[in-house]
């Protein structure tokens, strides 16, 4: 999604332009660990978007982070493979072209994306 120049003008009377601007302002690129192949970035970003929603639903109403099996199930349901869930939980999984990494902090899950390891795997 293209970045929005906050100083750029737009027609505030046009609902489509307002909606487009609001969506673009909500998008924040996922931090990267190393160089991710450009073709892999959109898929990895899409996975992170879905995971943010899924983990928000999973943790809503609870004060604790989800346990390993729930994290594993959520990652696999998002279509990720080679899932590794560690203590905390921290996790890593493959999109097939990039790795999605995550950990649970006080404010909620934090994500980053990175290249696949030399062996094609991802580890937290």
Protein backbone atom coordinates (compact mmCIF):
# COMPACT_ATOMS: atom_id res chain seq x y z
CA UNK A 1 0.00 0.00 0.00
CA UNK A 2 1.45 3.39 -0.89
CA UNK A 3 2.44 5.74 1.88
CA UNK A 4 0.28 8.79 2.41
CA UNK A 5 1.94 12.17 2.38
CA UNK A 6 0.31 13.94 5.34
CA UNK A 7 0.81 17.30 3.62
CA UNK A 8 -0.87 16.18 0.38
CA UNK A 9 -4.31 17.59 -0.23
CA UNK A 10 -7.33 15.49 -0.98
CA UNK A 11 -11.03 16.06 -1.45
CA UNK A 12 -12.48 15.57 2.04
CA UNK A 13 -15.96 15.58 0.46
CA UNK A 14 -15.18 12.45 -1.56
CA UNK A 15 -15.97 9.35 0.54
CA UNK A 16 -13.67 7.13 -1.57
CA UNK A 17 -10.70 9.44 -1.09
CA UNK A 18 -11.40 9.69 2.65
CA UNK A 19 -11.64 5.90 2.95
CA UNK A 20 -8.47 5.35 0.89
CA UNK A 21 -6.57 7.86 3.02
CA UNK A 22 -7.85 6.35 6.29
CA UNK A 23 -6.77 2.85 5.21
CA UNK A 24 -3.35 4.04 4.05
CA UNK A 25 -2.79 5.89 7.34
CA UNK A 26 -3.53 2.70 9.29
CA UNK A 27 -0.95 0.69 7.39
CA UNK A 28 2.43 0.47 9.06
CA UNK A 29 5.07 -1.68 7.37
CA UNK A 30 6.15 -4.69 9.41
CA UNK A 31 9.73 -4.41 10.73
CA UNK A 32 12.22 -6.60 8.87
CA UNK A 33 14.99 -8.88 10.00
CA UNK A 34 17.43 -8.78 7.11
CA UNK A 35 16.70 -8.49 3.44
CA UNK A 36 13.39 -9.99 2.41
CA UNK A 37 12.98 -10.77 -1.31
CA UNK A 38 10.71 -8.04 -2.74
CA UNK A 39 8.33 -10.62 -4.22
CA UNK A 40 7.87 -12.19 -0.76
CA UNK A 41 6.97 -8.98 1.09
CA UNK A 42 3.29 -8.66 0.06
CA UNK A 43 2.50 -12.23 1.13
CA UNK A 44 4.33 -11.87 4.43
CA UNK A 45 2.64 -8.52 5.13
CA UNK A 46 -0.76 -10.09 4.35
CA UNK A 47 -0.03 -12.91 6.82
CA UNK A 48 0.93 -10.40 9.52
CA UNK A 49 -2.30 -8.49 8.90
CA UNK A 50 -4.38 -11.66 9.29
CA UNK A 51 -2.41 -12.73 12.37
CA UNK A 52 -2.93 -9.35 14.06
CA UNK A 53 -6.68 -9.79 13.62
CA UNK A 54 -6.70 -13.44 14.69
CA UNK A 55 -4.56 -12.87 17.78
CA UNK A 56 -6.72 -9.86 18.73
CA UNK A 57 -9.78 -12.08 18.59
CA UNK A 58 -8.00 -14.88 20.44
CA UNK A 59 -6.85 -12.65 23.29
CA UNK A 60 -9.88 -10.35 23.59
CA UNK A 61 -11.30 -10.55 27.07
CA UNK A 62 -8.25 -12.35 28.49
CA UNK A 63 -5.33 -10.87 30.38
CA UNK A 64 -2.89 -13.63 29.52
CA UNK A 65 -1.13 -14.49 26.29
CA UNK A 66 -2.25 -17.57 24.40
CA UNK A 67 -0.44 -20.81 25.07
CA UNK A 68 1.71 -22.65 22.54
CA UNK A 69 -0.98 -24.93 21.04
CA UNK A 70 -3.36 -21.99 20.41
CA UNK A 71 -0.53 -20.00 18.78
CA UNK A 72 0.41 -23.01 16.63
CA UNK A 73 -3.20 -23.51 15.53
CA UNK A 74 -3.59 -19.82 14.67
CA UNK A 75 -0.41 -19.75 12.59
CA UNK A 76 -1.38 -22.89 10.68
CA UNK A 77 -4.93 -21.59 10.13
CA UNK A 78 -3.37 -18.50 8.50
CA UNK A 79 -1.66 -20.82 6.00
CA UNK A 80 1.84 -20.70 7.47
CA UNK A 81 4.06 -23.78 7.53
CA UNK A 82 7.17 -24.93 9.39
CA UNK A 83 5.73 -23.45 12.57
CA UNK A 84 8.03 -23.19 15.60
CA UNK A 85 6.56 -21.96 18.90
CA UNK A 86 8.90 -21.29 21.82
CA UNK A 87 8.42 -20.16 25.40
CA UNK A 88 6.75 -16.86 26.04
CA UNK A 89 5.40 -17.66 23.46
CA UNK A 90 7.68 -16.52 20.68
CA UNK A 91 7.13 -17.98 17.26
CA UNK A 92 8.36 -18.23 13.69
CA UNK A 93 6.70 -19.68 10.62
CA UNK A 94 7.19 -19.77 6.89
CA UNK A 95 5.04 -18.27 4.16
CA UNK A 96 7.03 -20.38 1.71
CA UNK A 97 9.01 -17.34 0.57
CA UNK A 98 9.69 -15.48 3.85
CA UNK A 99 9.57 -15.94 7.61
CA UNK A 100 7.05 -14.34 9.94
CA UNK A 101 8.35 -13.85 13.49
CA UNK A 102 6.37 -12.89 16.54
CA UNK A 103 6.32 -12.49 20.28
CA UNK A 104 3.71 -11.42 22.79
CA UNK A 105 4.42 -8.18 24.65
CA UNK A 106 2.30 -6.33 27.20
CA UNK A 107 0.64 -4.32 24.42
CA UNK A 108 -0.10 -7.41 22.31
CA UNK A 109 1.68 -9.41 19.63
CA UNK A 110 4.68 -7.91 17.89
CA UNK A 111 5.67 -9.08 14.42
CA UNK A 112 8.60 -8.91 12.05
CA UNK A 113 9.37 -10.56 8.74
CA UNK A 114 12.64 -11.89 7.39
CA UNK A 115 14.21 -14.08 4.75
CA UNK A 116 14.09 -17.86 4.92
CA UNK A 117 17.14 -19.45 6.55
CA UNK A 118 19.78 -21.19 4.42
CA UNK A 119 17.96 -24.48 5.08
CA UNK A 120 14.58 -22.94 4.18
CA UNK A 121 13.44 -22.89 7.81
CA UNK A 122 12.48 -20.13 10.23
CA UNK A 123 13.40 -20.11 13.93
CA UNK A 124 12.35 -17.61 16.60
